């Protein structure tokens, strides 16, 4: 059974005791150490490797944000805090999740399941895994998306909208070019400056417009007109 080595850092004894009990109750986690002092935790992490950090953000000596930024080797991190306004900073650091105090166990368990998924994704051959799913950050959390569920992707300058089958749209802060690097290039094609489509979701093409299986109609620009011929060859 896989067990992730983790430490918890929080200057509030009751909050630290709660997160410690949650960790010990989860069979996929191994609690290595706990700290009420952020400086001591930082020193410990300079010579000890762990898989996962539970970091309180608002601490007196050094914030969890700054502690994490200072680490040379950065393990996965889940931030804990009583203040919602710190969420965007955690998002910028690619946090796995962001837990708002008081933390309920079911919410904690959901974050751990997400952590395990991401850890397995990192440990498995990336080329094989990317055929099935990708991870993106949305609403300050890491989100797993099955590629088969993507209807199309829309670019909004620095953001992308990922339209998902039978689910709400996912908004992520990243340029379309970076997202394309995560996708298998034979299965996802750019048809416009603002749109990427899964080839398998294109039902028909007429007058430089692609009709998708869900009925959505998207434009095909001159720059990406070669997609039309490529798609037609696949249908023959």
C-alpha atoms as a PDB file:
ATOM      1  CA  UNK A   1       0.000   0.000   0.000  1.00  0.00           C
ATOM      2  CA  UNK A   2       1.240   3.464  -0.883  1.00  0.00           C
ATOM      3  CA  UNK A   3       1.863   5.804   2.054  1.00  0.00           C
ATOM      4  CA  UNK A   4       2.801   9.432   1.594  1.00  0.00           C
ATOM      5  CA  UNK A   5       5.281  10.827   4.106  1.00  0.00           C
ATOM      6  CA  UNK A   6       3.951  14.114   5.415  1.00  0.00           C
ATOM      7  CA  UNK A   7       4.422  16.814   8.036  1.00  0.00           C
ATOM      8  CA  UNK A   8       1.972  19.346   9.448  1.00  0.00           C
ATOM      9  CA  UNK A   9       2.835  22.917  10.406  1.00  0.00           C
ATOM     10  CA  UNK A  10       0.432  25.132  12.370  1.00  0.00           C
ATOM     11  CA  UNK A  11       1.033  27.566  15.231  1.00  0.00           C
ATOM     12  CA  UNK A  12      -2.415  26.820  16.718  1.00  0.00           C
ATOM     13  CA  UNK A  13      -2.186  23.690  18.942  1.00  0.00           C
ATOM     14  CA  UNK A  14      -5.848  22.711  18.532  1.00  0.00           C
ATOM     15  CA  UNK A  15      -5.752  23.053  14.741  1.00  0.00           C
ATOM     16  CA  UNK A  16      -2.493  21.096  14.614  1.00  0.00           C
ATOM     17  CA  UNK A  17      -3.941  18.360  16.838  1.00  0.00           C
ATOM     18  CA  UNK A  18      -6.976  18.064  14.549  1.00  0.00           C
ATOM     19  CA  UNK A  19      -4.950  17.771  11.337  1.00  0.00           C
ATOM     20  CA  UNK A  20      -2.632  15.297  13.091  1.00  0.00           C
ATOM     21  CA  UNK A  21      -5.600  13.082  14.008  1.00  0.00           C
ATOM     22  CA  UNK A  22      -6.883  13.234  10.437  1.00  0.00           C
ATOM     23  CA  UNK A  23      -3.504  12.210   9.044  1.00  0.00           C
ATOM     24  CA  UNK A  24      -3.173   9.314  11.464  1.00  0.00           C
ATOM     25  CA  UNK A  25      -6.675   8.103  10.557  1.00  0.00           C
ATOM     26  CA  UNK A  26      -5.808   7.907   6.851  1.00  0.00           C
ATOM     27  CA  UNK A  27      -4.105   4.700   5.768  1.00  0.00           C
ATOM     28  CA  UNK A  28      -2.446   6.414   2.780  1.00  0.00           C
ATOM     29  CA  UNK A  29      -0.547   8.894   4.961  1.00  0.00           C
ATOM     30  CA  UNK A  30       2.439   8.516   7.243  1.00  0.00           C
ATOM     31  CA  UNK A  31       2.919  11.349   9.731  1.00  0.00           C
ATOM     32  CA  UNK A  32       6.631  12.088  10.007  1.00  0.00           C
ATOM     33  CA  UNK A  33       6.600  15.194  12.189  1.00  0.00           C
ATOM     34  CA  UNK A  34       4.451  18.105  13.395  1.00  0.00           C
ATOM     35  CA  UNK A  35       5.558  21.675  14.100  1.00  0.00           C
ATOM     36  CA  UNK A  36       4.034  24.657  15.862  1.00  0.00           C
ATOM     37  CA  UNK A  37       7.093  26.714  14.892  1.00  0.00           C
ATOM     38  CA  UNK A  38       7.409  27.578  11.194  1.00  0.00           C
ATOM     39  CA  UNK A  39      11.145  28.330  11.480  1.00  0.00           C
ATOM     40  CA  UNK A  40      11.816  24.906  12.992  1.00  0.00           C
ATOM     41  CA  UNK A  41       9.780  23.307  10.214  1.00  0.00           C
ATOM     42  CA  UNK A  42      11.783  25.188   7.590  1.00  0.00           C
ATOM     43  CA  UNK A  43      15.078  24.017   9.097  1.00  0.00           C
ATOM     44  CA  UNK A  44      13.783  20.430   9.269  1.00  0.00           C
ATOM     45  CA  UNK A  45      12.844  20.479   5.599  1.00  0.00           C
ATOM     46  CA  UNK A  46      16.331  21.555   4.516  1.00  0.00           C
ATOM     47  CA  UNK A  47      17.648  18.076   5.333  1.00  0.00           C
ATOM     48  CA  UNK A  48      14.534  15.855   5.296  1.00  0.00           C
ATOM     49  CA  UNK A  49      12.511  14.848   2.269  1.00  0.00           C
ATOM     50  CA  UNK A  50       8.737  14.394   2.525  1.00  0.00           C
ATOM     51  CA  UNK A  51       5.963  13.860   0.001  1.00  0.00           C
ATOM     52  CA  UNK A  52       3.315  16.213   1.362  1.00  0.00           C
ATOM     53  CA  UNK A  53       3.111  19.321   3.554  1.00  0.00           C
ATOM     54  CA  UNK A  54       0.101  20.580   5.452  1.00  0.00           C
ATOM     55  CA  UNK A  55       0.935  24.269   5.923  1.00  0.00           C
ATOM     56  CA  UNK A  56      -0.987  26.863   7.866  1.00  0.00           C
ATOM     57  CA  UNK A  57      -0.686  30.168   5.998  1.00  0.00           C
ATOM     58  CA  UNK A  58      -1.086  32.744   8.750  1.00  0.00           C
ATOM     59  CA  UNK A  59       1.803  32.143  11.206  1.00  0.00           C
ATOM     60  CA  UNK A  60       3.723  34.782  13.201  1.00  0.00           C
ATOM     61  CA  UNK A  61       7.393  34.172  12.290  1.00  0.00           C
ATOM     62  CA  UNK A  62       6.992  33.289   8.622  1.00  0.00           C
ATOM     63  CA  UNK A  63       3.854  32.620   6.600  1.00  0.00           C
ATOM     64  CA  UNK A  64       3.218  29.214   5.114  1.00  0.00           C
ATOM     65  CA  UNK A  65       3.386  30.869   1.688  1.00  0.00           C
ATOM     66  CA  UNK A  66       6.885  32.243   2.313  1.00  0.00           C
ATOM     67  CA  UNK A  67       8.027  29.034   3.961  1.00  0.00           C
ATOM     68  CA  UNK A  68       7.022  27.054   0.897  1.00  0.00           C
ATOM     69  CA  UNK A  69       8.617  29.569  -1.474  1.00  0.00           C
ATOM     70  CA  UNK A  70      11.907  29.247   0.427  1.00  0.00           C
ATOM     71  CA  UNK A  71      12.154  25.476  -0.062  1.00  0.00           C
ATOM     72  CA  UNK A  72      14.612  24.273  -2.691  1.00  0.00           C
ATOM     73  CA  UNK A  73      12.918  20.892  -2.999  1.00  0.00           C
ATOM     74  CA  UNK A  74       9.173  21.531  -3.025  1.00  0.00           C
ATOM     75  CA  UNK A  75       6.948  18.584  -2.074  1.00  0.00           C
ATOM     76  CA  UNK A  76       3.211  18.608  -2.703  1.00  0.00           C
ATOM     77  CA  UNK A  77       1.422  21.089  -0.453  1.00  0.00           C
ATOM     78  CA  UNK A  78      -2.043  21.537   1.019  1.00  0.00           C
ATOM     79  CA  UNK A  79      -2.526  24.940   2.634  1.00  0.00           C
ATOM     80  CA  UNK A  80      -4.742  25.337   5.696  1.00  0.00           C
ATOM     81  CA  UNK A  81      -6.029  28.671   6.921  1.00  0.00           C
ATOM     82  CA  UNK A  82      -8.971  30.507   8.451  1.00  0.00           C
ATOM     83  CA  UNK A  83      -8.728  33.273   5.830  1.00  0.00           C
ATOM     84  CA  UNK A  84     -10.140  32.943   2.309  1.00  0.00           C
ATOM     85  CA  UNK A  85      -8.176  35.915   0.992  1.00  0.00           C
ATOM     86  CA  UNK A  86      -4.936  33.897   0.915  1.00  0.00           C
ATOM     87  CA  UNK A  87      -6.328  31.454  -1.642  1.00  0.00           C
ATOM     88  CA  UNK A  88      -4.944  33.125  -4.758  1.00  0.00           C
ATOM     89  CA  UNK A  89      -1.377  33.016  -3.425  1.00  0.00           C
ATOM     90  CA  UNK A  90      -1.759  29.281  -2.810  1.00  0.00           C
ATOM     91  CA  UNK A  91      -3.068  28.881  -6.323  1.00  0.00           C
ATOM     92  CA  UNK A  92       0.019  30.579  -7.783  1.00  0.00           C
ATOM     93  CA  UNK A  93       2.214  28.048  -5.963  1.00  0.00           C
ATOM     94  CA  UNK A  94       0.370  25.105  -7.536  1.00  0.00           C
ATOM     95  CA  UNK A  95      -1.047  23.877  -4.243  1.00  0.00           C
ATOM     96  CA  UNK A  96      -2.879  20.572  -4.397  1.00  0.00           C
ATOM     97  CA  UNK A  97      -5.707  22.016  -2.339  1.00  0.00           C
ATOM     98  CA  UNK A  98      -6.716  24.751   0.063  1.00  0.00           C
ATOM     99  CA  UNK A  99      -8.543  23.770   3.259  1.00  0.00           C
ATOM    100  CA  UNK A 100     -10.527  26.358   5.158  1.00  0.00           C
ATOM    101  CA  UNK A 101     -10.680  26.015   8.948  1.00  0.00           C
ATOM    102  CA  UNK A 102     -12.430  24.483  10.763  1.00  0.00           C
ATOM    103  CA  UNK A 103     -11.588  21.522   8.542  1.00  0.00           C
ATOM    104  CA  UNK A 104     -14.120  18.707   8.282  1.00  0.00           C
ATOM    105  CA  UNK A 105     -12.798  15.178   7.836  1.00  0.00           C
ATOM    106  CA  UNK A 106     -14.771  14.489   4.647  1.00  0.00           C
ATOM    107  CA  UNK A 107     -13.285  17.630   3.078  1.00  0.00           C
ATOM    108  CA  UNK A 108      -9.817  16.537   4.252  1.00  0.00           C
ATOM    109  CA  UNK A 109     -10.320  13.070   2.755  1.00  0.00           C
ATOM    110  CA  UNK A 110     -11.371  14.586  -0.574  1.00  0.00           C
ATOM    111  CA  UNK A 111      -8.127  16.598  -0.652  1.00  0.00           C
ATOM    112  CA  UNK A 112      -6.093  13.463   0.093  1.00  0.00           C
ATOM    113  CA  UNK A 113      -7.766  11.495  -2.686  1.00  0.00           C
ATOM    114  CA  UNK A 114      -6.853  14.291  -5.065  1.00  0.00           C
ATOM    115  CA  UNK A 115      -3.282  14.255  -3.740  1.00  0.00           C
ATOM    116  CA  UNK A 116      -2.964  10.508  -4.310  1.00  0.00           C
ATOM    117  CA  UNK A 117      -4.258  10.867  -7.874  1.00  0.00           C
ATOM    118  CA  UNK A 118      -1.701  13.573  -8.599  1.00  0.00           C
ATOM    119  CA  UNK A 119       1.135  11.628  -6.951  1.00  0.00           C
ATOM    120  CA  UNK A 120       0.354   8.556  -9.041  1.00  0.00           C
ATOM    121  CA  UNK A 121       0.179  10.737 -12.136  1.00  0.00           C
ATOM    122  CA  UNK A 122       3.677  12.051 -11.385  1.00  0.00           C
ATOM    123  CA  UNK A 123       5.087   8.606 -10.716  1.00  0.00           C
ATOM    124  CA  UNK A 124       3.622   6.939 -13.796  1.00  0.00           C
ATOM    125  CA  UNK A 125       4.973   7.328 -17.299  1.00  0.00           C
ATOM    126  CA  UNK A 126       3.662  10.754 -18.321  1.00  0.00           C
ATOM    127  CA  UNK A 127       3.112   9.782 -21.947  1.00  0.00           C
ATOM    128  CA  UNK A 128       0.863   6.899 -20.961  1.00  0.00           C
ATOM    129  CA  UNK A 129      -1.112   8.861 -18.392  1.00  0.00           C
ATOM    130  CA  UNK A 130      -1.718  11.911 -20.578  1.00  0.00           C
ATOM    131  CA  UNK A 131      -3.708   9.676 -22.922  1.00  0.00           C
ATOM    132  CA  UNK A 132      -6.318   9.448 -20.174  1.00  0.00           C
ATOM    133  CA  UNK A 133      -6.293  12.577 -18.032  1.00  0.00           C
ATOM    134  CA  UNK A 134      -4.644  15.882 -17.166  1.00  0.00           C
ATOM    135  CA  UNK A 135      -4.452  18.069 -14.068  1.00  0.00           C
ATOM    136  CA  UNK A 136      -5.158  21.803 -14.078  1.00  0.00           C
ATOM    137  CA  UNK A 137      -5.641  24.410 -11.373  1.00  0.00           C
ATOM    138  CA  UNK A 138      -9.123  25.873 -11.031  1.00  0.00           C
ATOM    139  CA  UNK A 139     -10.703  27.814  -8.175  1.00  0.00           C
ATOM    140  CA  UNK A 140      -7.474  27.506  -6.178  1.00  0.00           C
ATOM    141  CA  UNK A 141      -7.475  23.719  -6.369  1.00  0.00           C
ATOM    142  CA  UNK A 142      -5.965  21.012  -8.520  1.00  0.00           C
ATOM    143  CA  UNK A 143      -8.585  19.415 -10.753  1.00  0.00           C
ATOM    144  CA  UNK A 144      -8.302  16.121 -12.624  1.00  0.00           C
ATOM    145  CA  UNK A 145      -9.938  16.096 -16.061  1.00  0.00           C
ATOM    146  CA  UNK A 146     -10.559  12.934 -18.065  1.00  0.00           C
ATOM    147  CA  UNK A 147      -9.663  13.690 -21.687  1.00  0.00           C
ATOM    148  CA  UNK A 148     -12.631  11.731 -23.000  1.00  0.00           C
ATOM    149  CA  UNK A 149     -14.966  14.212 -21.265  1.00  0.00           C
ATOM    150  CA  UNK A 150     -13.579  17.372 -22.903  1.00  0.00           C
ATOM    151  CA  UNK A 151     -15.983  18.845 -25.460  1.00  0.00           C
ATOM    152  CA  UNK A 152     -13.749  21.752 -26.511  1.00  0.00           C
ATOM    153  CA  UNK A 153     -11.368  24.335 -25.070  1.00  0.00           C
ATOM    154  CA  UNK A 154     -11.777  28.087 -25.353  1.00  0.00           C
ATOM    155  CA  UNK A 155      -9.061  30.692 -24.874  1.00  0.00           C
ATOM    156  CA  UNK A 156      -9.679  33.928 -22.960  1.00  0.00           C
ATOM    157  CA  UNK A 157      -6.255  35.625 -23.103  1.00  0.00           C
ATOM    158  CA  UNK A 158      -4.544  34.411 -19.895  1.00  0.00           C
ATOM    159  CA  UNK A 159      -7.329  31.953 -19.047  1.00  0.00           C
ATOM    160  CA  UNK A 160      -8.813  28.881 -20.672  1.00  0.00           C
ATOM    161  CA  UNK A 161     -12.360  27.583 -20.463  1.00  0.00           C
ATOM    162  CA  UNK A 162     -12.490  23.803 -20.596  1.00  0.00           C
ATOM    163  CA  UNK A 163     -15.986  22.719 -21.574  1.00  0.00           C
ATOM    164  CA  UNK A 164     -16.776  19.332 -20.054  1.00  0.00           C
ATOM    165  CA  UNK A 165     -19.398  16.790 -21.054  1.00  0.00           C
ATOM    166  CA  UNK A 166     -22.256  16.553 -18.524  1.00  0.00           C
ATOM    167  CA  UNK A 167     -20.469  18.893 -16.132  1.00  0.00           C
ATOM    168  CA  UNK A 168     -19.823  22.565 -15.509  1.00  0.00           C
ATOM    169  CA  UNK A 169     -17.134  24.409 -17.409  1.00  0.00           C
ATOM    170  CA  UNK A 170     -13.684  24.581 -15.780  1.00  0.00           C
ATOM    171  CA  UNK A 171     -11.839  27.914 -15.803  1.00  0.00           C
ATOM    172  CA  UNK A 172      -8.052  27.784 -15.385  1.00  0.00           C
ATOM    173  CA  UNK A 173      -5.409  30.496 -15.278  1.00  0.00           C
ATOM    174  CA  UNK A 174      -3.038  29.480 -18.084  1.00  0.00           C
ATOM    175  CA  UNK A 175      -2.549  30.385 -21.747  1.00  0.00           C
ATOM    176  CA  UNK A 176      -3.959  28.013 -24.346  1.00  0.00           C
ATOM    177  CA  UNK A 177      -0.459  27.222 -25.610  1.00  0.00           C
ATOM    178  CA  UNK A 178       0.568  25.809 -22.228  1.00  0.00           C
ATOM    179  CA  UNK A 179      -2.553  23.690 -21.972  1.00  0.00           C
ATOM    180  CA  UNK A 180      -1.902  22.291 -25.443  1.00  0.00           C
ATOM    181  CA  UNK A 181       1.462  21.019 -24.199  1.00  0.00           C
ATOM    182  CA  UNK A 182      -0.416  18.786 -21.744  1.00  0.00           C
ATOM    183  CA  UNK A 183      -2.633  17.255 -24.420  1.00  0.00           C
ATOM    184  CA  UNK A 184      -1.857  14.439 -26.897  1.00  0.00           C
ATOM    185  CA  UNK A 185      -1.313  16.310 -30.172  1.00  0.00           C
ATOM    186  CA  UNK A 186      -2.888  13.603 -32.322  1.00  0.00           C
ATOM    187  CA  UNK A 187      -6.184  13.827 -30.421  1.00  0.00           C
ATOM    188  CA  UNK A 188      -6.567  17.576 -29.839  1.00  0.00           C
ATOM    189  CA  UNK A 189      -6.256  20.149 -32.615  1.00  0.00           C
ATOM    190  CA  UNK A 190      -6.331  23.912 -32.689  1.00  0.00           C
ATOM    191  CA  UNK A 191      -8.876  25.207 -35.213  1.00  0.00           C
ATOM    192  CA  UNK A 192      -8.827  28.884 -34.289  1.00  0.00           C
ATOM    193  CA  UNK A 193      -6.852  31.345 -32.199  1.00  0.00           C
ATOM    194  CA  UNK A 194      -9.487  30.833 -29.513  1.00  0.00           C
ATOM    195  CA  UNK A 195     -10.480  27.159 -29.884  1.00  0.00           C
ATOM    196  CA  UNK A 196      -9.078  23.666 -29.523  1.00  0.00           C
ATOM    197  CA  UNK A 197     -11.235  20.624 -30.233  1.00  0.00           C
ATOM    198  CA  UNK A 198     -10.910  16.890 -29.626  1.00  0.00           C
ATOM    199  CA  UNK A 199     -10.799  15.394 -33.124  1.00  0.00           C
ATOM    200  CA  UNK A 200     -13.189  12.630 -32.071  1.00  0.00           C
ATOM    201  CA  UNK A 201     -15.846  15.192 -31.028  1.00  0.00           C
ATOM    202  CA  UNK A 202     -16.101  16.803 -34.487  1.00  0.00           C
ATOM    203  CA  UNK A 203     -19.280  15.585 -36.193  1.00  0.00           C
ATOM    204  CA  UNK A 204     -19.081  17.563 -39.442  1.00  0.00           C
ATOM    205  CA  UNK A 205     -17.402  20.518 -41.148  1.00  0.00           C
ATOM    206  CA  UNK A 206     -19.226  22.967 -43.403  1.00  0.00           C
ATOM    207  CA  UNK A 207     -18.285  26.474 -44.582  1.00  0.00           C
ATOM    208  CA  UNK A 208     -15.236  26.674 -42.357  1.00  0.00           C
ATOM    209  CA  UNK A 209     -17.250  25.741 -39.295  1.00  0.00           C
ATOM    210  CA  UNK A 210     -16.899  22.628 -37.167  1.00  0.00           C
ATOM    211  CA  UNK A 211     -20.035  21.116 -35.685  1.00  0.00           C
ATOM    212  CA  UNK A 212     -19.358  19.099 -32.563  1.00  0.00           C
ATOM    213  CA  UNK A 213     -21.258  16.042 -31.339  1.00  0.00           C
ATOM    214  CA  UNK A 214     -23.008  18.154 -28.695  1.00  0.00           C
ATOM    215  CA  UNK A 215     -24.310  20.567 -31.362  1.00  0.00           C
ATOM    216  CA  UNK A 216     -21.822  23.359 -30.665  1.00  0.00           C
ATOM    217  CA  UNK A 217     -20.581  25.128 -33.825  1.00  0.00           C
ATOM    218  CA  UNK A 218     -17.081  26.650 -33.794  1.00  0.00           C
ATOM    219  CA  UNK A 219     -15.233  28.657 -36.469  1.00  0.00           C
ATOM    220  CA  UNK A 220     -12.152  27.360 -38.289  1.00  0.00           C
ATOM    221  CA  UNK A 221      -9.762  30.204 -39.101  1.00  0.00           C
ATOM    222  CA  UNK A 222      -7.544  30.497 -42.180  1.00  0.00           C
ATOM    223  CA  UNK A 223      -4.455  29.873 -40.067  1.00  0.00           C
ATOM    224  CA  UNK A 224      -5.722  26.421 -39.057  1.00  0.00           C
ATOM    225  CA  UNK A 225      -7.599  25.549 -42.261  1.00  0.00           C
ATOM    226  CA  UNK A 226      -5.369  22.500 -42.765  1.00  0.00           C
ATOM    227  CA  UNK A 227      -7.425  20.856 -40.009  1.00  0.00           C
ATOM    228  CA  UNK A 228     -10.269  20.465 -42.513  1.00  0.00           C
ATOM    229  CA  UNK A 229      -8.247  18.266 -44.844  1.00  0.00           C
ATOM    230  CA  UNK A 230      -6.717  16.308 -41.965  1.00  0.00           C
ATOM    231  CA  UNK A 231     -10.173  15.629 -40.498  1.00  0.00           C
ATOM    232  CA  UNK A 232     -11.592  14.594 -43.862  1.00  0.00           C
ATOM    233  CA  UNK A 233      -8.762  12.091 -44.362  1.00  0.00           C
ATOM    234  CA  UNK A 234      -9.535  10.546 -40.984  1.00  0.00           C
ATOM    235  CA  UNK A 235     -13.180  10.058 -42.026  1.00  0.00           C
ATOM    236  CA  UNK A 236     -12.299   8.235 -45.251  1.00  0.00           C
END
